[in-house]
Amino acid sequence: MEIFLKILLVLFSVGLIAVVLLQKGKSAGLSGAITGGAEHLFGKQKARGLDLFLQRLTVVLAVGFFILALVVSYFVKQ
């Protein structure tokens, strides 16, 4: 059981790294921070399609990684 959870934890971590690297940046440098900051702050630009899917997948993988890390640490401690 412990080995299975460790393998699952590694898969979640690799998946989380891959999903974060696949997302495009939120700012376009200094000019994006000055001109486009207000639009992004007030939510005029909504994520659509692949960006929305990657954001949700990131949240799911991060929560899964956190829970699995706690479970694995509990089993290793015993």
C-alpha atoms as a PDB file:
ATOM      1  CA  MET A   1       0.000   0.000   0.000  1.00  0.00           C
ATOM      2  CA  GLU A   2       2.813   2.390   0.884  1.00  0.00           C
ATOM      3  CA  ILE A   3       4.629   1.776  -2.397  1.00  0.00           C
ATOM      4  CA  PHE A   4       1.429   2.342  -4.387  1.00  0.00           C
ATOM      5  CA  LEU A   5       0.829   5.661  -2.634  1.00  0.00           C
ATOM      6  CA  LYS A   6       4.411   6.776  -3.265  1.00  0.00           C
ATOM      7  CA  ILE A   7       4.102   5.939  -6.963  1.00  0.00           C
ATOM      8  CA  LEU A   8       0.799   7.819  -7.090  1.00  0.00           C
ATOM      9  CA  LEU A   9       2.439  10.794  -5.374  1.00  0.00           C
ATOM     10  CA  VAL A  10       5.228  10.853  -7.959  1.00  0.00           C
ATOM     11  CA  LEU A  11       2.673  10.705 -10.785  1.00  0.00           C
ATOM     12  CA  PHE A  12       0.706  13.596  -9.279  1.00  0.00           C
ATOM     13  CA  SER A  13       3.875  15.666  -8.866  1.00  0.00           C
ATOM     14  CA  VAL A  14       5.037  15.061 -12.443  1.00  0.00           C
ATOM     15  CA  GLY A  15       1.535  15.816 -13.727  1.00  0.00           C
ATOM     16  CA  LEU A  16       1.385  19.024 -11.706  1.00  0.00           C
ATOM     17  CA  ILE A  17       4.760  20.154 -13.033  1.00  0.00           C
ATOM     18  CA  ALA A  18       3.713  19.405 -16.620  1.00  0.00           C
ATOM     19  CA  VAL A  19       0.380  21.213 -16.321  1.00  0.00           C
ATOM     20  CA  VAL A  20       1.977  24.305 -14.785  1.00  0.00           C
ATOM     21  CA  LEU A  21       4.585  24.421 -17.545  1.00  0.00           C
ATOM     22  CA  LEU A  22       1.904  24.087 -20.239  1.00  0.00           C
ATOM     23  CA  GLN A  23       0.062  27.193 -19.058  1.00  0.00           C
ATOM     24  CA  LYS A  24       0.921  30.499 -20.626  1.00  0.00           C
ATOM     25  CA  GLY A  25       2.045  33.447 -18.540  1.00  0.00           C
ATOM     26  CA  LYS A  26      -0.496  35.794 -16.999  1.00  0.00           C
ATOM     27  CA  SER A  27       1.479  38.996 -17.564  1.00  0.00           C
ATOM     28  CA  ALA A  28       3.205  40.371 -20.635  1.00  0.00           C
ATOM     29  CA  GLY A  29       6.100  41.906 -18.781  1.00  0.00           C
ATOM     30  CA  LEU A  30       6.116  45.462 -17.465  1.00  0.00           C
ATOM     31  CA  SER A  31       3.796  46.791 -20.164  1.00  0.00           C
ATOM     32  CA  GLY A  32       1.200  44.177 -19.308  1.00  0.00           C
ATOM     33  CA  ALA A  33       1.377  45.105 -15.659  1.00  0.00           C
ATOM     34  CA  ILE A  34       0.773  48.776 -16.418  1.00  0.00           C
ATOM     35  CA  THR A  35      -1.839  48.649 -19.172  1.00  0.00           C
ATOM     36  CA  GLY A  36      -3.591  45.323 -18.788  1.00  0.00           C
ATOM     37  CA  GLY A  37      -3.570  45.035 -15.020  1.00  0.00           C
ATOM     38  CA  ALA A  38      -6.923  46.702 -14.465  1.00  0.00           C
ATOM     39  CA  GLU A  39      -8.723  44.513 -16.980  1.00  0.00           C
ATOM     40  CA  HIS A  40      -7.333  41.366 -15.425  1.00  0.00           C
ATOM     41  CA  LEU A  41      -8.041  42.619 -11.904  1.00  0.00           C
ATOM     42  CA  PHE A  42     -11.714  43.254 -12.522  1.00  0.00           C
ATOM     43  CA  GLY A  43     -12.250  40.031 -14.470  1.00  0.00           C
ATOM     44  CA  LYS A  44     -13.049  41.337 -17.941  1.00  0.00           C
ATOM     45  CA  GLN A  45     -10.922  38.609 -19.481  1.00  0.00           C
ATOM     46  CA  LYS A  46     -12.306  35.180 -18.761  1.00  0.00           C
ATOM     47  CA  ALA A  47     -10.359  32.025 -19.447  1.00  0.00           C
ATOM     48  CA  ARG A  48     -11.804  29.894 -22.198  1.00  0.00           C
ATOM     49  CA  GLY A  49     -11.076  26.493 -23.647  1.00  0.00           C
ATOM     50  CA  LEU A  50      -7.681  25.019 -22.952  1.00  0.00           C
ATOM     51  CA  ASP A  51      -6.656  27.716 -20.465  1.00  0.00           C
ATOM     52  CA  LEU A  52      -9.708  27.051 -18.302  1.00  0.00           C
ATOM     53  CA  PHE A  53      -9.129  23.299 -18.469  1.00  0.00           C
ATOM     54  CA  LEU A  54      -5.467  23.678 -17.471  1.00  0.00           C
ATOM     55  CA  GLN A  55      -6.384  25.957 -14.555  1.00  0.00           C
ATOM     56  CA  ARG A  56      -8.922  23.481 -13.210  1.00  0.00           C
ATOM     57  CA  LEU A  57      -6.570  20.546 -13.744  1.00  0.00           C
ATOM     58  CA  THR A  58      -3.865  22.428 -11.839  1.00  0.00           C
ATOM     59  CA  VAL A  59      -6.186  22.898  -8.871  1.00  0.00           C
ATOM     60  CA  VAL A  60      -7.227  19.234  -8.889  1.00  0.00           C
ATOM     61  CA  LEU A  61      -3.647  17.984  -9.132  1.00  0.00           C
ATOM     62  CA  ALA A  62      -2.433  20.387  -6.425  1.00  0.00           C
ATOM     63  CA  VAL A  63      -5.150  19.307  -3.987  1.00  0.00           C
ATOM     64  CA  GLY A  64      -4.492  15.648  -4.796  1.00  0.00           C
ATOM     65  CA  PHE A  65      -0.759  16.133  -4.328  1.00  0.00           C
ATOM     66  CA  PHE A  66      -1.259  17.827  -0.962  1.00  0.00           C
ATOM     67  CA  ILE A  67      -3.603  15.107   0.329  1.00  0.00           C
ATOM     68  CA  LEU A  68      -1.380  12.309  -0.955  1.00  0.00           C
ATOM     69  CA  ALA A  69       1.676  13.914   0.653  1.00  0.00           C
ATOM     70  CA  LEU A  70      -0.108  13.958   3.999  1.00  0.00           C
ATOM     71  CA  VAL A  71      -1.279  10.344   3.635  1.00  0.00           C
ATOM     72  CA  VAL A  72       2.167   9.101   2.590  1.00  0.00           C
ATOM     73  CA  SER A  73       3.816  10.927   5.476  1.00  0.00           C
ATOM     74  CA  TYR A  74       1.321   9.335   7.872  1.00  0.00           C
ATOM     75  CA  PHE A  75       2.088   5.822   6.570  1.00  0.00           C
ATOM     76  CA  VAL A  76       5.855   6.338   6.568  1.00  0.00           C
ATOM     77  CA  LYS A  77       5.750   7.627  10.144  1.00  0.00           C
ATOM     78  CA  GLN A  78       4.161   4.408  11.433  1.00  0.00           C
END
